[in-house]
């Protein structure tokens, strides 16, 4: 299943704190991108959707939409904090 780095988990906690969402969960869903590829959308949630895969990060539950789960099964989600927000990226496990 998807591995979430400590840096990405910290950014998720910041997102959840700023959104004022009950609980401590983020859901990853597919979103069509302009270049024809799929990007990943992050949504603060209170719990998983039907058939979501789940993984844990430091103090954050991460739910992955069923459409993304197969593609992210051997991936690592990391983040680079920026002045305004963060840049997330997915890489294969080494």
C-alpha atoms as a PDB file:
ATOM      1  CA  UNK A   1       0.000   0.000   0.000  1.00  0.00           C
ATOM      2  CA  UNK A   2       0.953   3.633  -0.381  1.00  0.00           C
ATOM      3  CA  UNK A   3       3.685   4.843   1.955  1.00  0.00           C
ATOM      4  CA  UNK A   4       3.384   8.442   3.191  1.00  0.00           C
ATOM      5  CA  UNK A   5       6.541  10.234   4.312  1.00  0.00           C
ATOM      6  CA  UNK A   6       6.733  12.152   7.579  1.00  0.00           C
ATOM      7  CA  UNK A   7       7.006  15.395   5.590  1.00  0.00           C
ATOM      8  CA  UNK A   8       3.788  14.689   3.664  1.00  0.00           C
ATOM      9  CA  UNK A   9       2.040  13.708   6.909  1.00  0.00           C
ATOM     10  CA  UNK A  10       3.079  17.023   8.491  1.00  0.00           C
ATOM     11  CA  UNK A  11       1.636  18.925   5.518  1.00  0.00           C
ATOM     12  CA  UNK A  12      -1.577  16.893   5.803  1.00  0.00           C
ATOM     13  CA  UNK A  13      -1.841  17.827   9.494  1.00  0.00           C
ATOM     14  CA  UNK A  14      -1.406  21.496   8.550  1.00  0.00           C
ATOM     15  CA  UNK A  15      -4.147  21.189   5.924  1.00  0.00           C
ATOM     16  CA  UNK A  16      -6.494  19.542   8.395  1.00  0.00           C
ATOM     17  CA  UNK A  17      -5.811  22.204  11.039  1.00  0.00           C
ATOM     18  CA  UNK A  18      -6.475  25.023   8.575  1.00  0.00           C
ATOM     19  CA  UNK A  19      -9.690  23.415   7.271  1.00  0.00           C
ATOM     20  CA  UNK A  20     -11.128  22.774  10.737  1.00  0.00           C
ATOM     21  CA  UNK A  21     -12.250  19.264   9.784  1.00  0.00           C
ATOM     22  CA  UNK A  22     -13.311  16.839  12.504  1.00  0.00           C
ATOM     23  CA  UNK A  23     -10.912  13.914  12.773  1.00  0.00           C
ATOM     24  CA  UNK A  24      -7.566  13.488  11.131  1.00  0.00           C
ATOM     25  CA  UNK A  25      -8.045  12.091   7.645  1.00  0.00           C
ATOM     26  CA  UNK A  26      -7.151  12.995   4.078  1.00  0.00           C
ATOM     27  CA  UNK A  27      -8.660  11.304   1.003  1.00  0.00           C
ATOM     28  CA  UNK A  28      -6.755  11.039  -2.272  1.00  0.00           C
ATOM     29  CA  UNK A  29      -8.947  11.048  -5.375  1.00  0.00           C
ATOM     30  CA  UNK A  30      -8.156  11.136  -9.102  1.00  0.00           C
ATOM     31  CA  UNK A  31      -8.688  14.349 -11.016  1.00  0.00           C
ATOM     32  CA  UNK A  32      -8.226  14.733 -14.778  1.00  0.00           C
ATOM     33  CA  UNK A  33      -5.377  17.078 -15.654  1.00  0.00           C
ATOM     34  CA  UNK A  34      -5.201  19.326 -18.706  1.00  0.00           C
ATOM     35  CA  UNK A  35      -2.379  17.288 -20.242  1.00  0.00           C
ATOM     36  CA  UNK A  36      -4.545  14.156 -20.419  1.00  0.00           C
ATOM     37  CA  UNK A  37      -2.904  12.554 -17.404  1.00  0.00           C
ATOM     38  CA  UNK A  38      -4.444  12.140 -13.985  1.00  0.00           C
ATOM     39  CA  UNK A  39      -3.509  14.284 -11.031  1.00  0.00           C
ATOM     40  CA  UNK A  40      -4.327  13.565  -7.406  1.00  0.00           C
ATOM     41  CA  UNK A  41      -6.712  15.713  -5.418  1.00  0.00           C
ATOM     42  CA  UNK A  42      -6.429  15.936  -1.613  1.00  0.00           C
ATOM     43  CA  UNK A  43      -9.590  16.335   0.428  1.00  0.00           C
ATOM     44  CA  UNK A  44      -9.913  16.621   4.219  1.00  0.00           C
ATOM     45  CA  UNK A  45     -12.529  14.065   5.303  1.00  0.00           C
ATOM     46  CA  UNK A  46     -13.977  12.592   8.471  1.00  0.00           C
ATOM     47  CA  UNK A  47     -13.734   9.000   7.253  1.00  0.00           C
ATOM     48  CA  UNK A  48     -13.197   6.730   4.251  1.00  0.00           C
ATOM     49  CA  UNK A  49     -15.378   6.444   1.196  1.00  0.00           C
ATOM     50  CA  UNK A  50     -16.862   3.135   0.128  1.00  0.00           C
ATOM     51  CA  UNK A  51     -14.096   0.743  -0.994  1.00  0.00           C
ATOM     52  CA  UNK A  52     -11.284   3.212  -0.151  1.00  0.00           C
ATOM     53  CA  UNK A  53      -7.907   1.702   0.638  1.00  0.00           C
ATOM     54  CA  UNK A  54      -6.332   3.065   3.778  1.00  0.00           C
ATOM     55  CA  UNK A  55      -2.841   3.681   5.026  1.00  0.00           C
ATOM     56  CA  UNK A  56      -1.496   5.464   8.047  1.00  0.00           C
ATOM     57  CA  UNK A  57       0.976   8.275   8.354  1.00  0.00           C
ATOM     58  CA  UNK A  58       2.134  10.025  11.507  1.00  0.00           C
ATOM     59  CA  UNK A  59      -1.154  10.962  13.217  1.00  0.00           C
ATOM     60  CA  UNK A  60      -3.063  11.146   9.919  1.00  0.00           C
ATOM     61  CA  UNK A  61      -5.297   8.557   8.285  1.00  0.00           C
ATOM     62  CA  UNK A  62      -4.912   8.528   4.514  1.00  0.00           C
ATOM     63  CA  UNK A  63      -7.681   7.070   2.359  1.00  0.00           C
ATOM     64  CA  UNK A  64      -7.108   6.292  -1.308  1.00  0.00           C
ATOM     65  CA  UNK A  65     -10.021   6.177  -3.762  1.00  0.00           C
ATOM     66  CA  UNK A  66     -10.406   2.734  -5.339  1.00  0.00           C
ATOM     67  CA  UNK A  67      -9.551   4.134  -8.783  1.00  0.00           C
ATOM     68  CA  UNK A  68      -6.088   5.174  -7.527  1.00  0.00           C
ATOM     69  CA  UNK A  69      -5.270   2.333  -5.152  1.00  0.00           C
ATOM     70  CA  UNK A  70      -3.741  -0.069  -7.723  1.00  0.00           C
ATOM     71  CA  UNK A  71      -1.464   2.624  -9.193  1.00  0.00           C
ATOM     72  CA  UNK A  72      -0.271   3.733  -5.744  1.00  0.00           C
ATOM     73  CA  UNK A  73       0.174   0.309  -4.170  1.00  0.00           C
ATOM     74  CA  UNK A  74       3.991   0.401  -4.427  1.00  0.00           C
ATOM     75  CA  UNK A  75       4.424   4.170  -4.260  1.00  0.00           C
ATOM     76  CA  UNK A  76       5.684   6.765  -1.810  1.00  0.00           C
ATOM     77  CA  UNK A  77       3.887  10.081  -1.374  1.00  0.00           C
ATOM     78  CA  UNK A  78       6.196  12.899  -0.338  1.00  0.00           C
ATOM     79  CA  UNK A  79       5.871  16.663  -0.068  1.00  0.00           C
ATOM     80  CA  UNK A  80       7.985  19.763  -0.336  1.00  0.00           C
ATOM     81  CA  UNK A  81       6.661  22.586   1.861  1.00  0.00           C
ATOM     82  CA  UNK A  82       6.579  25.944   0.073  1.00  0.00           C
ATOM     83  CA  UNK A  83       5.944  29.477   1.308  1.00  0.00           C
ATOM     84  CA  UNK A  84       2.341  29.139   0.235  1.00  0.00           C
ATOM     85  CA  UNK A  85       1.226  25.526   0.441  1.00  0.00           C
ATOM     86  CA  UNK A  86       3.203  22.497  -0.634  1.00  0.00           C
ATOM     87  CA  UNK A  87       4.163  20.497  -3.676  1.00  0.00           C
ATOM     88  CA  UNK A  88       3.346  16.805  -3.480  1.00  0.00           C
ATOM     89  CA  UNK A  89       4.964  14.119  -5.575  1.00  0.00           C
ATOM     90  CA  UNK A  90       4.680  10.381  -5.965  1.00  0.00           C
ATOM     91  CA  UNK A  91       7.639   8.101  -6.568  1.00  0.00           C
ATOM     92  CA  UNK A  92       8.190   4.358  -6.728  1.00  0.00           C
ATOM     93  CA  UNK A  93       9.508   2.649  -3.618  1.00  0.00           C
ATOM     94  CA  UNK A  94      13.215   2.057  -3.907  1.00  0.00           C
END
